[in-house]
Amino acid sequence: MSADSAVTFSSVPSEARSWSIPSEDPYEEAAQQLFEQVPHPLEYVPRDHVPVFVPEFEHPEDLVPAEGEAPT
């Protein structure tokens, strides 16, 4: 038993190829745009600086002395 068959292909041109893989990650692009739009807070200092407040340890007795340092 043999069967004859015909296959026909049609090409439809389109500017938008929804099935293709995007060249850039849309989430990465959106995150980058948000990052560029967010202003820095007024307290932000874009350089090395000494903090005004340095918290004290709550339990200094739990700290391990550095090498060569006598325990207190």
PDB file of N, CA and C in Angstrom:
ATOM      1  N   MET A   1       0.847  -1.161   0.000  1.00  0.00           N
ATOM      2  CA  MET A   1       0.000   0.000   0.000  1.00  0.00           C
ATOM      3  C   MET A   1       0.900   1.233   0.000  1.00  0.00           C
ATOM      4  N   SER A   2       0.659   2.128  -0.906  1.00  0.00           N
ATOM      5  CA  SER A   2       1.432   3.360  -0.960  1.00  0.00           C
ATOM      6  C   SER A   2       0.479   4.533  -0.957  1.00  0.00           C
ATOM      7  N   ALA A   3       0.945   5.629  -0.417  1.00  0.00           N
ATOM      8  CA  ALA A   3       0.103   6.830  -0.360  1.00  0.00           C
ATOM      9  C   ALA A   3       0.904   7.983  -0.930  1.00  0.00           C
ATOM     10  N   ASP A   4       0.264   8.760  -1.745  1.00  0.00           N
ATOM     11  CA  ASP A   4       0.895   9.959  -2.273  1.00  0.00           C
ATOM     12  C   ASP A   4       0.525  11.129  -1.366  1.00  0.00           C
ATOM     13  N   SER A   5       1.481  11.974  -1.096  1.00  0.00           N
ATOM     14  CA  SER A   5       1.192  13.134  -0.261  1.00  0.00           C
ATOM     15  C   SER A   5       1.969  14.327  -0.790  1.00  0.00           C
ATOM     16  N   ALA A   6       1.467  15.480  -0.471  1.00  0.00           N
ATOM     17  CA  ALA A   6       2.130  16.720  -0.868  1.00  0.00           C
ATOM     18  C   ALA A   6       2.239  17.622   0.357  1.00  0.00           C
ATOM     19  N   VAL A   7       3.351  18.272   0.471  1.00  0.00           N
ATOM     20  CA  VAL A   7       3.572  19.189   1.585  1.00  0.00           C
ATOM     21  C   VAL A   7       3.798  20.567   0.996  1.00  0.00           C
ATOM     22  N   THR A   8       3.083  21.547   1.545  1.00  0.00           N
ATOM     23  CA  THR A   8       3.211  22.921   1.073  1.00  0.00           C
ATOM     24  C   THR A   8       3.629  23.802   2.236  1.00  0.00           C
ATOM     25  N   PHE A   9       4.629  24.643   2.023  1.00  0.00           N
ATOM     26  CA  PHE A   9       5.087  25.583   3.036  1.00  0.00           C
ATOM     27  C   PHE A   9       4.750  26.991   2.588  1.00  0.00           C
ATOM     28  N   SER A  10       4.325  27.799   3.537  1.00  0.00           N
ATOM     29  CA  SER A  10       4.050  29.209   3.246  1.00  0.00           C
ATOM     30  C   SER A  10       4.923  30.066   4.148  1.00  0.00           C
ATOM     31  N   SER A  11       5.434  31.136   3.597  1.00  0.00           N
ATOM     32  CA  SER A  11       6.250  32.061   4.368  1.00  0.00           C
ATOM     33  C   SER A  11       5.491  33.366   4.517  1.00  0.00           C
ATOM     34  N   VAL A  12       5.353  33.808   5.767  1.00  0.00           N
ATOM     35  CA  VAL A  12       4.659  35.064   6.040  1.00  0.00           C
ATOM     36  C   VAL A  12       5.687  36.017   6.628  1.00  0.00           C
ATOM     37  N   PRO A  13       6.036  37.083   5.909  1.00  0.00           N
ATOM     38  CA  PRO A  13       7.019  38.023   6.450  1.00  0.00           C
ATOM     39  C   PRO A  13       6.452  38.812   7.623  1.00  0.00           C
ATOM     40  N   SER A  14       7.307  39.055   8.596  1.00  0.00           N
ATOM     41  CA  SER A  14       6.883  39.805   9.767  1.00  0.00           C
ATOM     42  C   SER A  14       8.089  40.545  10.325  1.00  0.00           C
ATOM     43  N   GLU A  15       7.883  41.790  10.753  1.00  0.00           N
ATOM     44  CA  GLU A  15       8.975  42.553  11.347  1.00  0.00           C
ATOM     45  C   GLU A  15       9.253  42.092  12.776  1.00  0.00           C
ATOM     46  N   ALA A  16       8.221  41.687  13.480  1.00  0.00           N
ATOM     47  CA  ALA A  16       8.381  41.218  14.861  1.00  0.00           C
ATOM     48  C   ALA A  16       8.428  39.703  14.851  1.00  0.00           C
ATOM     49  N   ARG A  17       9.535  39.153  15.330  1.00  0.00           N
ATOM     50  CA  ARG A  17       9.663  37.701  15.388  1.00  0.00           C
ATOM     51  C   ARG A  17       9.454  37.268  16.833  1.00  0.00           C
ATOM     52  N   SER A  18       8.244  36.958  17.183  1.00  0.00           N
ATOM     53  CA  SER A  18       7.917  36.633  18.569  1.00  0.00           C
ATOM     54  C   SER A  18       8.538  35.318  19.023  1.00  0.00           C
ATOM     55  N   TRP A  19       8.893  34.452  18.112  1.00  0.00           N
ATOM     56  CA  TRP A  19       9.433  33.167  18.491  1.00  0.00           C
ATOM     57  C   TRP A  19      10.956  33.187  18.644  1.00  0.00           C
ATOM     58  N   SER A  20      11.588  34.275  18.312  1.00  0.00           N
ATOM     59  CA  SER A  20      13.046  34.319  18.394  1.00  0.00           C
ATOM     60  C   SER A  20      13.501  34.656  19.816  1.00  0.00           C
ATOM     61  N   ILE A  21      14.718  34.322  20.112  1.00  0.00           N
ATOM     62  CA  ILE A  21      15.300  34.609  21.420  1.00  0.00           C
ATOM     63  C   ILE A  21      15.778  36.054  21.416  1.00  0.00           C
ATOM     64  N   PRO A  22      15.369  36.855  22.407  1.00  0.00           N
ATOM     65  CA  PRO A  22      15.812  38.255  22.422  1.00  0.00           C
ATOM     66  C   PRO A  22      17.327  38.339  22.616  1.00  0.00           C
ATOM     67  N   SER A  23      17.930  39.350  22.023  1.00  0.00           N
ATOM     68  CA  SER A  23      19.383  39.494  22.118  1.00  0.00           C
ATOM     69  C   SER A  23      19.815  39.947  23.506  1.00  0.00           C
ATOM     70  N   GLU A  24      18.934  40.640  24.231  1.00  0.00           N
ATOM     71  CA  GLU A  24      19.246  41.089  25.582  1.00  0.00           C
ATOM     72  C   GLU A  24      18.165  40.614  26.545  1.00  0.00           C
ATOM     73  N   ASP A  25      18.552  40.406  27.783  1.00  0.00           N
ATOM     74  CA  ASP A  25      17.609  39.993  28.817  1.00  0.00           C
ATOM     75  C   ASP A  25      16.715  41.181  29.170  1.00  0.00           C
ATOM     76  N   PRO A  26      15.395  41.080  28.998  1.00  0.00           N
ATOM     77  CA  PRO A  26      14.519  42.219  29.295  1.00  0.00           C
ATOM     78  C   PRO A  26      14.540  42.606  30.771  1.00  0.00           C
ATOM     79  N   TYR A  27      14.749  41.643  31.660  1.00  0.00           N
ATOM     80  CA  TYR A  27      14.799  41.954  33.086  1.00  0.00           C
ATOM     81  C   TYR A  27      16.068  42.735  33.419  1.00  0.00           C
ATOM     82  N   GLU A  28      17.172  42.354  32.788  1.00  0.00           N
ATOM     83  CA  GLU A  28      18.432  43.065  33.008  1.00  0.00           C
ATOM     84  C   GLU A  28      18.319  44.500  32.507  1.00  0.00           C
ATOM     85  N   GLU A  29      17.705  44.672  31.361  1.00  0.00           N
ATOM     86  CA  GLU A  29      17.532  46.013  30.800  1.00  0.00           C
ATOM     87  C   GLU A  29      16.645  46.869  31.705  1.00  0.00           C
ATOM     88  N   ALA A  30      15.550  46.299  32.219  1.00  0.00           N
ATOM     89  CA  ALA A  30      14.648  47.041  33.106  1.00  0.00           C
ATOM     90  C   ALA A  30      15.349  47.403  34.414  1.00  0.00           C
ATOM     91  N   ALA A  31      16.132  46.486  34.960  1.00  0.00           N
ATOM     92  CA  ALA A  31      16.854  46.759  36.204  1.00  0.00           C
ATOM     93  C   ALA A  31      17.878  47.870  35.993  1.00  0.00           C
ATOM     94  N   GLN A  32      18.547  47.855  34.853  1.00  0.00           N
ATOM     95  CA  GLN A  32      19.539  48.892  34.562  1.00  0.00           C
ATOM     96  C   GLN A  32      18.867  50.255  34.447  1.00  0.00           C
ATOM     97  N   GLN A  33      17.697  50.306  33.811  1.00  0.00           N
ATOM     98  CA  GLN A  33      16.972  51.572  33.677  1.00  0.00           C
ATOM     99  C   GLN A  33      16.545  52.092  35.044  1.00  0.00           C
ATOM    100  N   LEU A  34      16.077  51.203  35.919  1.00  0.00           N
ATOM    101  CA  LEU A  34      15.680  51.622  37.264  1.00  0.00           C
ATOM    102  C   LEU A  34      16.880  52.135  38.045  1.00  0.00           C
ATOM    103  N   PHE A  35      18.009  51.443  37.924  1.00  0.00           N
ATOM    104  CA  PHE A  35      19.214  51.848  38.641  1.00  0.00           C
ATOM    105  C   PHE A  35      19.656  53.245  38.215  1.00  0.00           C
ATOM    106  N   GLU A  36      19.542  53.544  36.922  1.00  0.00           N
ATOM    107  CA  GLU A  36      19.954  54.851  36.421  1.00  0.00           C
ATOM    108  C   GLU A  36      19.001  55.954  36.874  1.00  0.00           C
ATOM    109  N   GLN A  37      17.744  55.606  37.142  1.00  0.00           N
ATOM    110  CA  GLN A  37      16.743  56.605  37.502  1.00  0.00           C
ATOM    111  C   GLN A  37      16.725  56.912  38.997  1.00  0.00           C
ATOM    112  N   VAL A  38      17.206  55.990  39.825  1.00  0.00           N
ATOM    113  CA  VAL A  38      17.121  56.160  41.275  1.00  0.00           C
ATOM    114  C   VAL A  38      18.205  57.134  41.738  1.00  0.00           C
ATOM    115  N   PRO A  39      17.827  58.231  42.396  1.00  0.00           N
ATOM    116  CA  PRO A  39      18.847  59.162  42.891  1.00  0.00           C
ATOM    117  C   PRO A  39      19.515  58.606  44.150  1.00  0.00           C
ATOM    118  N   HIS A  40      20.742  59.002  44.372  1.00  0.00           N
ATOM    119  CA  HIS A  40      21.443  58.592  45.585  1.00  0.00           C
ATOM    120  C   HIS A  40      20.886  59.382  46.765  1.00  0.00           C
ATOM    121  N   PRO A  41      20.826  58.765  47.951  1.00  0.00           N
ATOM    122  CA  PRO A  41      20.361  59.513  49.122  1.00  0.00           C
ATOM    123  C   PRO A  41      21.334  60.645  49.453  1.00  0.00           C
ATOM    124  N   LEU A  42      20.843  61.660  50.126  1.00  0.00           N
ATOM    125  CA  LEU A  42      21.676  62.809  50.460  1.00  0.00           C
ATOM    126  C   LEU A  42      22.838  62.427  51.370  1.00  0.00           C
ATOM    127  N   GLU A  43      22.663  61.379  52.192  1.00  0.00           N
ATOM    128  CA  GLU A  43      23.720  60.958  53.109  1.00  0.00           C
ATOM    129  C   GLU A  43      24.837  60.207  52.391  1.00  0.00           C
ATOM    130  N   TYR A  44      24.605  59.807  51.149  1.00  0.00           N
ATOM    131  CA  TYR A  44      25.578  59.006  50.407  1.00  0.00           C
ATOM    132  C   TYR A  44      26.840  59.813  50.121  1.00  0.00           C
ATOM    133  N   VAL A  45      27.990  59.231  50.468  1.00  0.00           N
ATOM    134  CA  VAL A  45      29.273  59.870  50.192  1.00  0.00           C
ATOM    135  C   VAL A  45      30.054  58.910  49.297  1.00  0.00           C
ATOM    136  N   PRO A  46      30.303  59.245  48.044  1.00  0.00           N
ATOM    137  CA  PRO A  46      30.949  58.308  47.117  1.00  0.00           C
ATOM    138  C   PRO A  46      32.467  58.235  47.270  1.00  0.00           C
ATOM    139  N   ARG A  47      32.959  58.156  48.480  1.00  0.00           N
ATOM    140  CA  ARG A  47      34.392  58.019  48.720  1.00  0.00           C
ATOM    141  C   ARG A  47      34.587  57.350  50.078  1.00  0.00           C
ATOM    142  N   ASP A  48      35.815  56.979  50.375  1.00  0.00           N
ATOM    143  CA  ASP A  48      36.112  56.394  51.683  1.00  0.00           C
ATOM    144  C   ASP A  48      35.956  57.469  52.749  1.00  0.00           C
ATOM    145  N   HIS A  49      35.325  57.115  53.826  1.00  0.00           N
ATOM    146  CA  HIS A  49      35.133  58.075  54.912  1.00  0.00           C
ATOM    147  C   HIS A  49      35.032  57.336  56.241  1.00  0.00           C
ATOM    148  N   VAL A  50      35.282  58.029  57.305  1.00  0.00           N
ATOM    149  CA  VAL A  50      35.188  57.467  58.647  1.00  0.00           C
ATOM    150  C   VAL A  50      33.764  57.687  59.139  1.00  0.00           C
ATOM    151  N   PRO A  51      33.084  56.616  59.580  1.00  0.00           N
ATOM    152  CA  PRO A  51      31.724  56.801  60.075  1.00  0.00           C
ATOM    153  C   PRO A  51      31.707  57.651  61.348  1.00  0.00           C
ATOM    154  N   VAL A  52      30.649  58.397  61.522  1.00  0.00           N
ATOM    155  CA  VAL A  52      30.515  59.261  62.694  1.00  0.00           C
ATOM    156  C   VAL A  52      30.252  58.421  63.937  1.00  0.00           C
ATOM    157  N   PHE A  53      29.461  57.366  63.795  1.00  0.00           N
ATOM    158  CA  PHE A  53      29.092  56.534  64.933  1.00  0.00           C
ATOM    159  C   PHE A  53      29.610  55.124  64.712  1.00  0.00           C
ATOM    160  N   VAL A  54      30.367  54.597  65.659  1.00  0.00           N
ATOM    161  CA  VAL A  54      30.832  53.220  65.612  1.00  0.00           C
ATOM    162  C   VAL A  54      30.243  52.515  66.819  1.00  0.00           C
ATOM    163  N   PRO A  55      29.370  51.530  66.604  1.00  0.00           N
ATOM    164  CA  PRO A  55      28.732  50.869  67.747  1.00  0.00           C
ATOM    165  C   PRO A  55      29.737  50.054  68.556  1.00  0.00           C
ATOM    166  N   GLU A  56      29.523  49.995  69.846  1.00  0.00           N
ATOM    167  CA  GLU A  56      30.352  49.189  70.740  1.00  0.00           C
ATOM    168  C   GLU A  56      29.840  47.751  70.701  1.00  0.00           C
ATOM    169  N   PHE A  57      30.733  46.809  71.015  1.00  0.00           N
ATOM    170  CA  PHE A  57      30.320  45.420  71.087  1.00  0.00           C
ATOM    171  C   PHE A  57      29.451  45.220  72.318  1.00  0.00           C
ATOM    172  N   GLU A  58      28.396  44.430  72.172  1.00  0.00           N
ATOM    173  CA  GLU A  58      27.516  44.177  73.309  1.00  0.00           C
ATOM    174  C   GLU A  58      28.176  43.242  74.312  1.00  0.00           C
ATOM    175  N   HIS A  59      28.970  42.292  73.818  1.00  0.00           N
ATOM    176  CA  HIS A  59      29.624  41.314  74.687  1.00  0.00           C
ATOM    177  C   HIS A  59      31.101  41.228  74.315  1.00  0.00           C
ATOM    178  N   PRO A  60      31.917  42.199  74.728  1.00  0.00           N
ATOM    179  CA  PRO A  60      33.335  42.165  74.342  1.00  0.00           C
ATOM    180  C   PRO A  60      34.076  40.954  74.898  1.00  0.00           C
ATOM    181  N   GLU A  61      33.555  40.331  75.951  1.00  0.00           N
ATOM    182  CA  GLU A  61      34.218  39.150  76.512  1.00  0.00           C
ATOM    183  C   GLU A  61      34.165  37.961  75.554  1.00  0.00           C
ATOM    184  N   ASP A  62      33.265  37.997  74.571  1.00  0.00           N
ATOM    185  CA  ASP A  62      33.150  36.907  73.605  1.00  0.00           C
ATOM    186  C   ASP A  62      34.129  37.045  72.440  1.00  0.00           C
ATOM    187  N   LEU A  63      34.810  38.170  72.328  1.00  0.00           N
ATOM    188  CA  LEU A  63      35.737  38.377  71.220  1.00  0.00           C
ATOM    189  C   LEU A  63      37.000  37.561  71.424  1.00  0.00           C
ATOM    190  N   VAL A  64      37.530  37.030  70.348  1.00  0.00           N
ATOM    191  CA  VAL A  64      38.771  36.269  70.396  1.00  0.00           C
ATOM    192  C   VAL A  64      39.917  37.254  70.215  1.00  0.00           C
ATOM    193  N   PRO A  65      40.924  37.230  71.115  1.00  0.00           N
ATOM    194  CA  PRO A  65      42.044  38.173  70.960  1.00  0.00           C
ATOM    195  C   PRO A  65      42.835  37.876  69.691  1.00  0.00           C
ATOM    196  N   ALA A  66      43.376  38.914  69.088  1.00  0.00           N
ATOM    197  CA  ALA A  66      44.204  38.758  67.899  1.00  0.00           C
ATOM    198  C   ALA A  66      45.504  38.066  68.278  1.00  0.00           C
ATOM    199  N   GLU A  67      46.172  37.504  67.286  1.00  0.00           N
ATOM    200  CA  GLU A  67      47.426  36.800  67.539  1.00  0.00           C
ATOM    201  C   GLU A  67      48.453  37.779  68.103  1.00  0.00           C
ATOM    202  N   GLY A  68      49.098  37.414  69.190  1.00  0.00           N
ATOM    203  CA  GLY A  68      50.082  38.279  69.819  1.00  0.00           C
ATOM    204  C   GLY A  68      49.471  39.277  70.787  1.00  0.00           C
ATOM    205  N   GLU A  69      48.171  39.245  70.937  1.00  0.00           N
ATOM    206  CA  GLU A  69      47.489  40.173  71.846  1.00  0.00           C
ATOM    207  C   GLU A  69      47.144  39.429  73.129  1.00  0.00           C
ATOM    208  N   ALA A  70      47.426  40.028  74.247  1.00  0.00           N
ATOM    209  CA  ALA A  70      47.144  39.390  75.534  1.00  0.00           C
ATOM    210  C   ALA A  70      45.648  39.453  75.819  1.00  0.00           C
ATOM    211  N   PRO A  71      45.063  38.349  76.323  1.00  0.00           N
ATOM    212  CA  PRO A  71      43.639  38.390  76.681  1.00  0.00           C
ATOM    213  C   PRO A  71      43.408  39.334  77.855  1.00  0.00           C
ATOM    214  N   THR A  72      42.265  39.966  77.883  1.00  0.00           N
ATOM    215  CA  THR A  72      41.954  40.908  78.965  1.00  0.00           C
ATOM    216  C   THR A  72      41.175  40.244  80.066  1.00  0.00           C
TER     217      THR A  72
END
